Every structure is written in C-alpha cells, then in structure tokens.
Amino acid sequence: MNIDKVETLNIVSLFKLIIFNILTLGIYGGQYIKLLSEKLNQLDDIKHPINLHLCLTIVTLIYVNALFSISTVFYSGSELFHAASSLVSLITWVAVLVWALKVRDILNSTLLLKKGDENWFSLAWTVIFNYLYFNHKIELICRGPSRDSVENT
C-alpha cells in the first residue's frame, strides 16, 4: 500500500484526540470512529468495507452514554437508572470492540502486514485502546523510520 493512502487516515494528532474525547465525554471519539471508517472505505484495496450503520449506531450509543453521564450529576437516581446506564455502556463497548477488530483486520490486510512486522496492528492493544491505538499507530507509520517498509510493500 502506498504511504499516501496511509497519510489520508492520519486525521488528528493523538494528543488532540484524547483531549477532545475527554472534553466531549467521548462524543469526539465517536465522530473519529465514523470519519476513520469513511476514509478506510474510500481506499481502493478494501475488500470488505466497514458498515457505516455500525458507525452511526456507535455514535448514537456514545451520545446516550454522554447523556447518562451528565444526568448522573443532577440525578442520583434509582437502581434502574444505573442499570440502564451500565447496559448502554456495555453495548457501546461491545459495538466499539466489533468495529475495532474489523478495522484492525482491514489495516493489517491492506498494508500487507504479518504478525511480527513492526507496523502490525496488535490484537491486545486494539482491544484495550481501539481507536486511540489506531490513531497512534497511523501517526507512527506516517512519520516514523518504518515508513520505508510500508512504501516498499
């Protein structure tokens, strides 16, 4: 894959992504997921594009999570309220995990990476940090010494 295609995926710096994600209670992270998915789907080499309905579902769930977070400040509520909040959080986490595993497979196959390669997207880091990890790894590929190994594939 050409390094220019990888550079199109370099949307925002990791620092800004983390700060904006904290300030917006995760909403910016959902928008980043949607934007990264759209950019991945525009690449020529993608055999199985990411379903944008999944991305919109994730964004919606993140908005609902943010509403639950804000409402807990004003309403200490019942156990039912906390159970609903926990359920939405769990569903959001599962949806983001499914998205992250799909993106990881797309990135590894599109970049022709094999396990053990310097630029290979790790399963463990994907599960733990998902889109933050993708952002970091894409930044490293775009500016790091391993850039040559991607350009030569």
N, C-alpha and C. Protein backbone atom coordinates (compact mmCIF):
# COMPACT_ATOMS: atom_id res chain seq x y z
N MET A 1 0.84 -1.18 0.00
CA MET A 1 0.00 0.00 0.00
C MET A 1 0.88 1.25 0.00
N ASN A 2 0.48 2.22 -0.72
CA ASN A 2 1.20 3.48 -0.82
C ASN A 2 1.07 4.27 0.49
N ILE A 3 2.17 4.90 0.90
CA ILE A 3 2.17 5.68 2.14
C ILE A 3 1.18 6.85 2.06
N ASP A 4 0.91 7.34 0.85
CA ASP A 4 -0.05 8.44 0.69
C ASP A 4 -1.44 8.02 1.16
N LYS A 5 -1.78 6.76 0.92
CA LYS A 5 -3.08 6.26 1.38
C LYS A 5 -3.13 6.19 2.90
N VAL A 6 -2.03 5.81 3.51
CA VAL A 6 -1.98 5.76 4.97
C VAL A 6 -2.09 7.18 5.53
N GLU A 7 -1.45 8.12 4.86
CA GLU A 7 -1.50 9.51 5.34
C GLU A 7 -2.91 10.08 5.28
N THR A 8 -3.75 9.59 4.40
CA THR A 8 -5.14 10.08 4.38
C THR A 8 -5.89 9.65 5.63
N LEU A 9 -5.40 8.62 6.30
CA LEU A 9 -6.03 8.15 7.54
C LEU A 9 -5.55 8.92 8.76
N ASN A 10 -4.51 9.70 8.60
CA ASN A 10 -3.95 10.49 9.71
C ASN A 10 -4.78 11.76 9.87
N ILE A 11 -5.83 11.69 10.64
CA ILE A 11 -6.86 12.73 10.72
C ILE A 11 -6.52 13.80 11.75
N VAL A 12 -6.13 13.38 12.94
CA VAL A 12 -5.88 14.31 14.05
C VAL A 12 -4.78 13.71 14.92
N SER A 13 -4.06 14.56 15.63
CA SER A 13 -3.00 14.05 16.50
C SER A 13 -3.59 13.30 17.68
N LEU A 14 -2.84 12.39 18.23
CA LEU A 14 -3.30 11.60 19.37
C LEU A 14 -3.61 12.50 20.56
N PHE A 15 -2.78 13.51 20.79
CA PHE A 15 -2.99 14.43 21.91
C PHE A 15 -4.35 15.12 21.78
N LYS A 16 -4.64 15.66 20.60
CA LYS A 16 -5.92 16.34 20.38
C LYS A 16 -7.09 15.36 20.52
N LEU A 17 -6.91 14.16 20.02
CA LEU A 17 -7.97 13.16 20.11
C LEU A 17 -8.30 12.85 21.57
N ILE A 18 -7.29 12.69 22.38
CA ILE A 18 -7.52 12.40 23.81
C ILE A 18 -8.18 13.59 24.51
N ILE A 19 -7.65 14.80 24.29
CA ILE A 19 -8.20 15.99 24.94
C ILE A 19 -9.65 16.23 24.52
N PHE A 20 -9.91 16.19 23.20
CA PHE A 20 -11.27 16.42 22.72
C PHE A 20 -12.22 15.32 23.19
N ASN A 21 -11.73 14.11 23.27
CA ASN A 21 -12.54 12.99 23.75
C ASN A 21 -12.95 13.20 25.21
N ILE A 22 -12.03 13.66 26.02
CA ILE A 22 -12.34 13.93 27.43
C ILE A 22 -13.32 15.09 27.56
N LEU A 23 -13.05 16.17 26.83
CA LEU A 23 -13.89 17.37 26.94
C LEU A 23 -15.32 17.14 26.45
N THR A 24 -15.49 16.24 25.50
CA THR A 24 -16.83 15.99 24.94
C THR A 24 -17.47 14.72 25.49
N LEU A 25 -16.91 14.16 26.54
CA LEU A 25 -17.44 12.93 27.15
C LEU A 25 -17.52 11.76 26.16
N GLY A 26 -16.54 11.69 25.28
CA GLY A 26 -16.45 10.58 24.35
C GLY A 26 -17.11 10.81 23.00
N ILE A 27 -17.85 11.90 22.85
CA ILE A 27 -18.56 12.15 21.60
C ILE A 27 -17.57 12.35 20.45
N TYR A 28 -16.48 13.05 20.70
CA TYR A 28 -15.48 13.26 19.66
C TYR A 28 -14.90 11.91 19.20
N GLY A 29 -14.73 10.98 20.13
CA GLY A 29 -14.24 9.65 19.78
C GLY A 29 -15.19 8.94 18.82
N GLY A 30 -16.48 9.09 19.04
CA GLY A 30 -17.46 8.51 18.14
C GLY A 30 -17.40 9.12 16.75
N GLN A 31 -17.21 10.43 16.71
CA GLN A 31 -17.08 11.10 15.42
C GLN A 31 -15.79 10.66 14.71
N TYR A 32 -14.73 10.46 15.49
CA TYR A 32 -13.48 9.98 14.92
C TYR A 32 -13.66 8.58 14.32
N ILE A 33 -14.38 7.72 15.03
CA ILE A 33 -14.66 6.37 14.53
C ILE A 33 -15.39 6.46 13.18
N LYS A 34 -16.38 7.31 13.10
CA LYS A 34 -17.15 7.47 11.87
C LYS A 34 -16.27 7.99 10.74
N LEU A 35 -15.46 9.00 11.02
CA LEU A 35 -14.61 9.59 10.00
C LEU A 35 -13.53 8.62 9.52
N LEU A 36 -12.89 7.91 10.45
CA LEU A 36 -11.88 6.93 10.07
C LEU A 36 -12.49 5.82 9.21
N SER A 37 -13.68 5.40 9.56
CA SER A 37 -14.37 4.36 8.78
C SER A 37 -14.66 4.84 7.36
N GLU A 38 -15.12 6.07 7.24
CA GLU A 38 -15.39 6.63 5.91
C GLU A 38 -14.11 6.70 5.08
N LYS A 39 -13.02 7.12 5.70
CA LYS A 39 -11.74 7.22 4.98
C LYS A 39 -11.21 5.84 4.60
N LEU A 40 -11.36 4.87 5.49
CA LEU A 40 -10.94 3.50 5.17
C LEU A 40 -11.76 2.95 4.00
N ASN A 41 -13.05 3.20 3.99
CA ASN A 41 -13.91 2.69 2.93
C ASN A 41 -13.59 3.32 1.57
N GLN A 42 -12.94 4.47 1.56
CA GLN A 42 -12.58 5.13 0.30
C GLN A 42 -11.30 4.57 -0.32
N LEU A 43 -10.55 3.78 0.44
CA LEU A 43 -9.32 3.19 -0.11
C LEU A 43 -9.67 2.13 -1.15
N ASP A 44 -8.82 2.01 -2.14
CA ASP A 44 -9.08 1.10 -3.26
C ASP A 44 -8.98 -0.37 -2.87
N ASP A 45 -8.11 -0.69 -1.94
CA ASP A 45 -7.76 -2.08 -1.65
C ASP A 45 -8.74 -2.78 -0.70
N ILE A 46 -9.77 -2.12 -0.25
CA ILE A 46 -10.67 -2.68 0.76
C ILE A 46 -11.64 -3.68 0.12
N LYS A 47 -11.57 -4.93 0.60
CA LYS A 47 -12.46 -5.97 0.08
C LYS A 47 -13.81 -5.95 0.80
N HIS A 48 -13.78 -5.75 2.11
CA HIS A 48 -15.00 -5.76 2.92
C HIS A 48 -15.07 -4.45 3.69
N PRO A 49 -15.74 -3.44 3.13
CA PRO A 49 -15.79 -2.13 3.80
C PRO A 49 -16.54 -2.20 5.12
N ILE A 50 -16.28 -1.22 5.95
CA ILE A 50 -16.93 -1.13 7.25
C ILE A 50 -18.35 -0.62 7.04
N ASN A 51 -19.29 -1.27 7.67
CA ASN A 51 -20.68 -0.88 7.58
C ASN A 51 -20.88 0.44 8.33
N LEU A 52 -21.30 1.48 7.63
CA LEU A 52 -21.47 2.78 8.27
C LEU A 52 -22.66 2.80 9.22
N HIS A 53 -23.57 1.83 9.11
CA HIS A 53 -24.65 1.73 10.09
C HIS A 53 -24.09 1.38 11.47
N LEU A 54 -23.06 0.54 11.48
CA LEU A 54 -22.39 0.23 12.75
C LEU A 54 -21.80 1.50 13.35
N CYS A 55 -21.18 2.32 12.51
CA CYS A 55 -20.57 3.57 13.00
C CYS A 55 -21.63 4.52 13.55
N LEU A 56 -22.74 4.64 12.85
CA LEU A 56 -23.82 5.51 13.32
C LEU A 56 -24.43 4.98 14.61
N THR A 57 -24.51 3.67 14.74
CA THR A 57 -25.00 3.07 15.98
C THR A 57 -24.05 3.40 17.12
N ILE A 58 -22.75 3.30 16.87
CA ILE A 58 -21.76 3.63 17.90
C ILE A 58 -21.87 5.09 18.30
N VAL A 59 -21.99 5.99 17.32
CA VAL A 59 -22.11 7.42 17.63
C VAL A 59 -23.36 7.67 18.47
N THR A 60 -24.47 7.06 18.10
CA THR A 60 -25.72 7.23 18.86
C THR A 60 -25.56 6.71 20.28
N LEU A 61 -24.96 5.54 20.44
CA LEU A 61 -24.75 4.98 21.77
C LEU A 61 -23.84 5.87 22.62
N ILE A 62 -22.85 6.47 21.99
CA ILE A 62 -21.95 7.35 22.73
C ILE A 62 -22.69 8.60 23.19
N TYR A 63 -23.57 9.13 22.34
CA TYR A 63 -24.39 10.28 22.76
C TYR A 63 -25.28 9.90 23.95
N VAL A 64 -25.89 8.73 23.90
CA VAL A 64 -26.73 8.27 25.02
C VAL A 64 -25.88 8.10 26.28
N ASN A 65 -24.67 7.55 26.13
CA ASN A 65 -23.76 7.43 27.28
C ASN A 65 -23.44 8.79 27.87
N ALA A 66 -23.18 9.78 27.03
CA ALA A 66 -22.88 11.13 27.50
C ALA A 66 -24.08 11.70 28.26
N LEU A 67 -25.28 11.47 27.74
CA LEU A 67 -26.48 11.95 28.44
C LEU A 67 -26.62 11.29 29.81
N PHE A 68 -26.36 9.99 29.87
CA PHE A 68 -26.39 9.30 31.16
C PHE A 68 -25.35 9.90 32.11
N SER A 69 -24.16 10.18 31.60
CA SER A 69 -23.09 10.74 32.44
C SER A 69 -23.48 12.11 32.98
N ILE A 70 -24.03 12.94 32.12
CA ILE A 70 -24.44 14.27 32.55
C ILE A 70 -25.60 14.19 33.54
N SER A 71 -26.55 13.30 33.28
CA SER A 71 -27.72 13.21 34.15
C SER A 71 -27.39 12.66 35.53
N THR A 72 -26.32 11.89 35.66
CA THR A 72 -25.95 11.39 36.99
C THR A 72 -25.48 12.51 37.91
N VAL A 73 -25.04 13.63 37.33
CA VAL A 73 -24.64 14.78 38.14
C VAL A 73 -25.86 15.39 38.82
N PHE A 74 -26.98 15.40 38.11
CA PHE A 74 -28.19 16.05 38.62
C PHE A 74 -29.16 15.07 39.27
N TYR A 75 -29.01 13.81 38.96
CA TYR A 75 -29.96 12.81 39.44
C TYR A 75 -29.20 11.59 39.92
N SER A 76 -29.21 11.37 41.21
CA SER A 76 -28.50 10.20 41.73
C SER A 76 -29.29 8.94 41.47
N GLY A 77 -30.59 9.10 41.28
CA GLY A 77 -31.47 8.08 40.72
C GLY A 77 -31.57 6.75 41.42
N SER A 78 -32.33 5.93 40.79
CA SER A 78 -32.62 4.60 41.30
C SER A 78 -31.65 3.57 40.73
N GLU A 79 -31.83 2.36 41.19
CA GLU A 79 -31.00 1.27 40.68
C GLU A 79 -31.33 0.99 39.22
N LEU A 80 -32.56 1.21 38.81
CA LEU A 80 -32.96 1.01 37.43
C LEU A 80 -32.20 1.96 36.49
N PHE A 81 -32.06 3.20 36.93
CA PHE A 81 -31.33 4.19 36.15
C PHE A 81 -29.87 3.77 35.98
N HIS A 82 -29.25 3.32 37.05
CA HIS A 82 -27.85 2.89 36.98
C HIS A 82 -27.71 1.61 36.16
N ALA A 83 -28.71 0.74 36.25
CA ALA A 83 -28.67 -0.49 35.45
C ALA A 83 -28.77 -0.15 33.95
N ALA A 84 -29.65 0.78 33.61
CA ALA A 84 -29.79 1.20 32.21
C ALA A 84 -28.50 1.84 31.72
N SER A 85 -27.90 2.67 32.55
CA SER A 85 -26.64 3.31 32.19
C SER A 85 -25.54 2.27 31.97
N SER A 86 -25.46 1.30 32.83
CA SER A 86 -24.46 0.23 32.69
C SER A 86 -24.70 -0.61 31.44
N LEU A 87 -25.97 -0.88 31.15
CA LEU A 87 -26.30 -1.66 29.97
C LEU A 87 -25.91 -0.92 28.69
N VAL A 88 -26.20 0.36 28.62
CA VAL A 88 -25.83 1.15 27.44
C VAL A 88 -24.31 1.21 27.31
N SER A 89 -23.61 1.35 28.42
CA SER A 89 -22.14 1.36 28.38
C SER A 89 -21.59 0.04 27.86
N LEU A 90 -22.15 -1.05 28.32
CA LEU A 90 -21.71 -2.37 27.87
C LEU A 90 -21.96 -2.56 26.38
N ILE A 91 -23.14 -2.20 25.91
CA ILE A 91 -23.47 -2.33 24.50
C ILE A 91 -22.54 -1.46 23.65
N THR A 92 -22.26 -0.26 24.14
CA THR A 92 -21.34 0.63 23.42
C THR A 92 -19.96 0.01 23.33
N TRP A 93 -19.47 -0.53 24.44
CA TRP A 93 -18.15 -1.15 24.46
C TRP A 93 -18.08 -2.32 23.47
N VAL A 94 -19.11 -3.14 23.44
CA VAL A 94 -19.13 -4.28 22.52
C VAL A 94 -19.15 -3.80 21.07
N ALA A 95 -19.96 -2.78 20.77
CA ALA A 95 -20.03 -2.26 19.40
C ALA A 95 -18.68 -1.67 18.97
N VAL A 96 -18.03 -0.93 19.86
CA VAL A 96 -16.72 -0.35 19.53
C VAL A 96 -15.69 -1.47 19.36
N LEU A 97 -15.77 -2.50 20.16
CA LEU A 97 -14.85 -3.63 20.03
C LEU A 97 -15.03 -4.34 18.68
N VAL A 98 -16.27 -4.56 18.27
CA VAL A 98 -16.53 -5.18 16.97
C VAL A 98 -15.95 -4.31 15.86
N TRP A 99 -16.20 -3.00 15.95
CA TRP A 99 -15.66 -2.06 14.95
C TRP A 99 -14.13 -2.13 14.94
N ALA A 100 -13.52 -2.10 16.11
CA ALA A 100 -12.06 -2.08 16.21
C ALA A 100 -11.44 -3.34 15.62
N LEU A 101 -12.03 -4.49 15.86
CA LEU A 101 -11.50 -5.73 15.31
C LEU A 101 -11.61 -5.75 13.79
N LYS A 102 -12.70 -5.21 13.28
CA LYS A 102 -12.87 -5.11 11.82
C LYS A 102 -11.81 -4.17 11.23
N VAL A 103 -11.62 -3.01 11.85
CA VAL A 103 -10.63 -2.04 11.35
C VAL A 103 -9.23 -2.63 11.42
N ARG A 104 -8.93 -3.33 12.49
CA ARG A 104 -7.61 -3.95 12.63
C ARG A 104 -7.35 -4.93 11.48
N ASP A 105 -8.33 -5.76 11.17
CA ASP A 105 -8.17 -6.71 10.07
C ASP A 105 -7.98 -5.98 8.74
N ILE A 106 -8.75 -4.92 8.53
CA ILE A 106 -8.62 -4.16 7.28
C ILE A 106 -7.24 -3.53 7.18
N LEU A 107 -6.78 -2.91 8.25
CA LEU A 107 -5.47 -2.24 8.21
C LEU A 107 -4.34 -3.24 8.00
N ASN A 108 -4.37 -4.35 8.71
CA ASN A 108 -3.31 -5.35 8.55
C ASN A 108 -3.31 -5.96 7.15
N SER A 109 -4.48 -6.24 6.61
CA SER A 109 -4.52 -6.86 5.27
C SER A 109 -4.22 -5.83 4.18
N THR A 110 -4.69 -4.61 4.34
CA THR A 110 -4.44 -3.59 3.31
C THR A 110 -2.98 -3.19 3.27
N LEU A 111 -2.34 -3.13 4.42
CA LEU A 111 -0.92 -2.78 4.47
C LEU A 111 -0.02 -3.99 4.23
N LEU A 112 -0.64 -5.15 4.00
CA LEU A 112 0.10 -6.40 3.77
C LEU A 112 1.05 -6.70 4.93
N LEU A 113 0.55 -6.53 6.13
CA LEU A 113 1.37 -6.76 7.32
C LEU A 113 1.14 -8.16 7.86
N LYS A 114 2.20 -8.73 8.39
CA LYS A 114 2.13 -10.04 9.02
C LYS A 114 2.49 -9.89 10.48
N LYS A 115 2.01 -10.82 11.28
CA LYS A 115 2.32 -10.79 12.71
C LYS A 115 3.83 -10.77 12.89
N GLY A 116 4.27 -9.83 13.73
CA GLY A 116 5.70 -9.67 13.96
C GLY A 116 6.29 -8.50 13.20
N ASP A 117 5.60 -8.03 12.15
CA ASP A 117 6.05 -6.83 11.45
C ASP A 117 5.98 -5.65 12.40
N GLU A 118 6.86 -4.69 12.17
CA GLU A 118 6.91 -3.51 13.04
C GLU A 118 5.61 -2.72 13.04
N ASN A 119 4.94 -2.66 11.90
CA ASN A 119 3.72 -1.87 11.78
C ASN A 119 2.45 -2.66 12.00
N TRP A 120 2.58 -3.95 12.33
CA TRP A 120 1.41 -4.81 12.52
C TRP A 120 0.55 -4.28 13.66
N PHE A 121 -0.76 -4.28 13.47
CA PHE A 121 -1.71 -3.81 14.49
C PHE A 121 -2.02 -4.98 15.42
N SER A 122 -1.62 -4.84 16.67
CA SER A 122 -1.72 -5.89 17.67
C SER A 122 -3.16 -6.07 18.16
N LEU A 123 -3.54 -7.32 18.39
CA LEU A 123 -4.86 -7.63 18.92
C LEU A 123 -5.03 -7.08 20.33
N ALA A 124 -4.04 -7.29 21.19
CA ALA A 124 -4.16 -6.86 22.58
C ALA A 124 -4.32 -5.34 22.69
N TRP A 125 -3.48 -4.59 21.97
CA TRP A 125 -3.58 -3.12 22.03
C TRP A 125 -4.87 -2.65 21.39
N THR A 126 -5.35 -3.35 20.37
CA THR A 126 -6.62 -3.00 19.73
C THR A 126 -7.77 -3.14 20.71
N VAL A 127 -7.80 -4.24 21.45
CA VAL A 127 -8.88 -4.47 22.41
C VAL A 127 -8.84 -3.43 23.54
N ILE A 128 -7.65 -3.09 23.99
CA ILE A 128 -7.54 -2.17 25.13
C ILE A 128 -7.79 -0.72 24.73
N PHE A 129 -7.16 -0.26 23.66
CA PHE A 129 -7.18 1.17 23.32
C PHE A 129 -7.91 1.50 22.02
N ASN A 130 -8.35 0.53 21.27
CA ASN A 130 -9.03 0.62 19.97
C ASN A 130 -8.69 1.87 19.16
N TYR A 131 -9.58 2.84 19.01
CA TYR A 131 -9.31 3.93 18.06
C TYR A 131 -8.15 4.82 18.48
N LEU A 132 -7.85 4.90 19.76
CA LEU A 132 -6.67 5.66 20.20
C LEU A 132 -5.40 4.96 19.70
N TYR A 133 -5.40 3.64 19.75
CA TYR A 133 -4.27 2.86 19.26
C TYR A 133 -4.11 3.01 17.76
N PHE A 134 -5.23 2.95 17.02
CA PHE A 134 -5.16 3.12 15.57
C PHE A 134 -4.58 4.47 15.21
N ASN A 135 -5.04 5.51 15.90
CA ASN A 135 -4.55 6.86 15.63
C ASN A 135 -3.05 6.93 15.88
N HIS A 136 -2.61 6.39 17.00
CA HIS A 136 -1.19 6.40 17.35
C HIS A 136 -0.36 5.64 16.32
N LYS A 137 -0.82 4.47 15.95
CA LYS A 137 -0.07 3.62 15.02
C LYS A 137 -0.01 4.25 13.63
N ILE A 138 -1.10 4.86 13.19
CA ILE A 138 -1.11 5.53 11.89
C ILE A 138 -0.14 6.70 11.90
N GLU A 139 -0.11 7.46 13.01
CA GLU A 139 0.86 8.56 13.14
C GLU A 139 2.29 8.04 13.04
N LEU A 140 2.56 6.91 13.72
CA LEU A 140 3.91 6.34 13.68
C LEU A 140 4.29 5.90 12.27
N ILE A 141 3.36 5.29 11.56
CA ILE A 141 3.64 4.84 10.20
C ILE A 141 3.92 6.03 9.29
N CYS A 142 3.17 7.11 9.47
CA CYS A 142 3.31 8.29 8.60
C CYS A 142 4.61 9.06 8.83
N ARG A 143 5.15 9.00 10.03
CA ARG A 143 6.33 9.83 10.28
C ARG A 143 7.54 9.05 10.77
N GLY A 144 7.40 7.77 10.97
CA GLY A 144 8.48 7.01 11.57
C GLY A 144 9.46 6.43 10.57
N PRO A 145 10.53 5.82 11.10
CA PRO A 145 11.53 5.18 10.24
C PRO A 145 10.97 3.97 9.52
N SER A 146 9.89 3.40 10.02
CA SER A 146 9.29 2.24 9.37
C SER A 146 8.49 2.64 8.14
N ARG A 147 8.43 3.92 7.86
CA ARG A 147 7.71 4.42 6.68
C ARG A 147 8.24 3.76 5.41
N ASP A 148 9.54 3.53 5.36
CA ASP A 148 10.14 2.91 4.18
C ASP A 148 9.61 1.50 3.95
N SER A 149 9.39 0.75 5.05
CA SER A 149 8.92 -0.61 4.88
C SER A 149 7.49 -0.63 4.36
N VAL A 150 6.69 0.39 4.66
CA VAL A 150 5.33 0.45 4.13
C VAL A 150 5.37 0.88 2.67
N GLU A 151 6.22 1.81 2.34
CA GLU A 151 6.31 2.29 0.97
C GLU A 151 6.77 1.18 0.03
N ASN A 152 7.56 0.25 0.53
CA ASN A 152 8.10 -0.81 -0.32
C ASN A 152 7.14 -1.97 -0.51
N THR A 153 6.00 -1.96 0.19
CA THR A 153 5.06 -3.08 0.04
C THR A 153 4.12 -2.85 -1.10
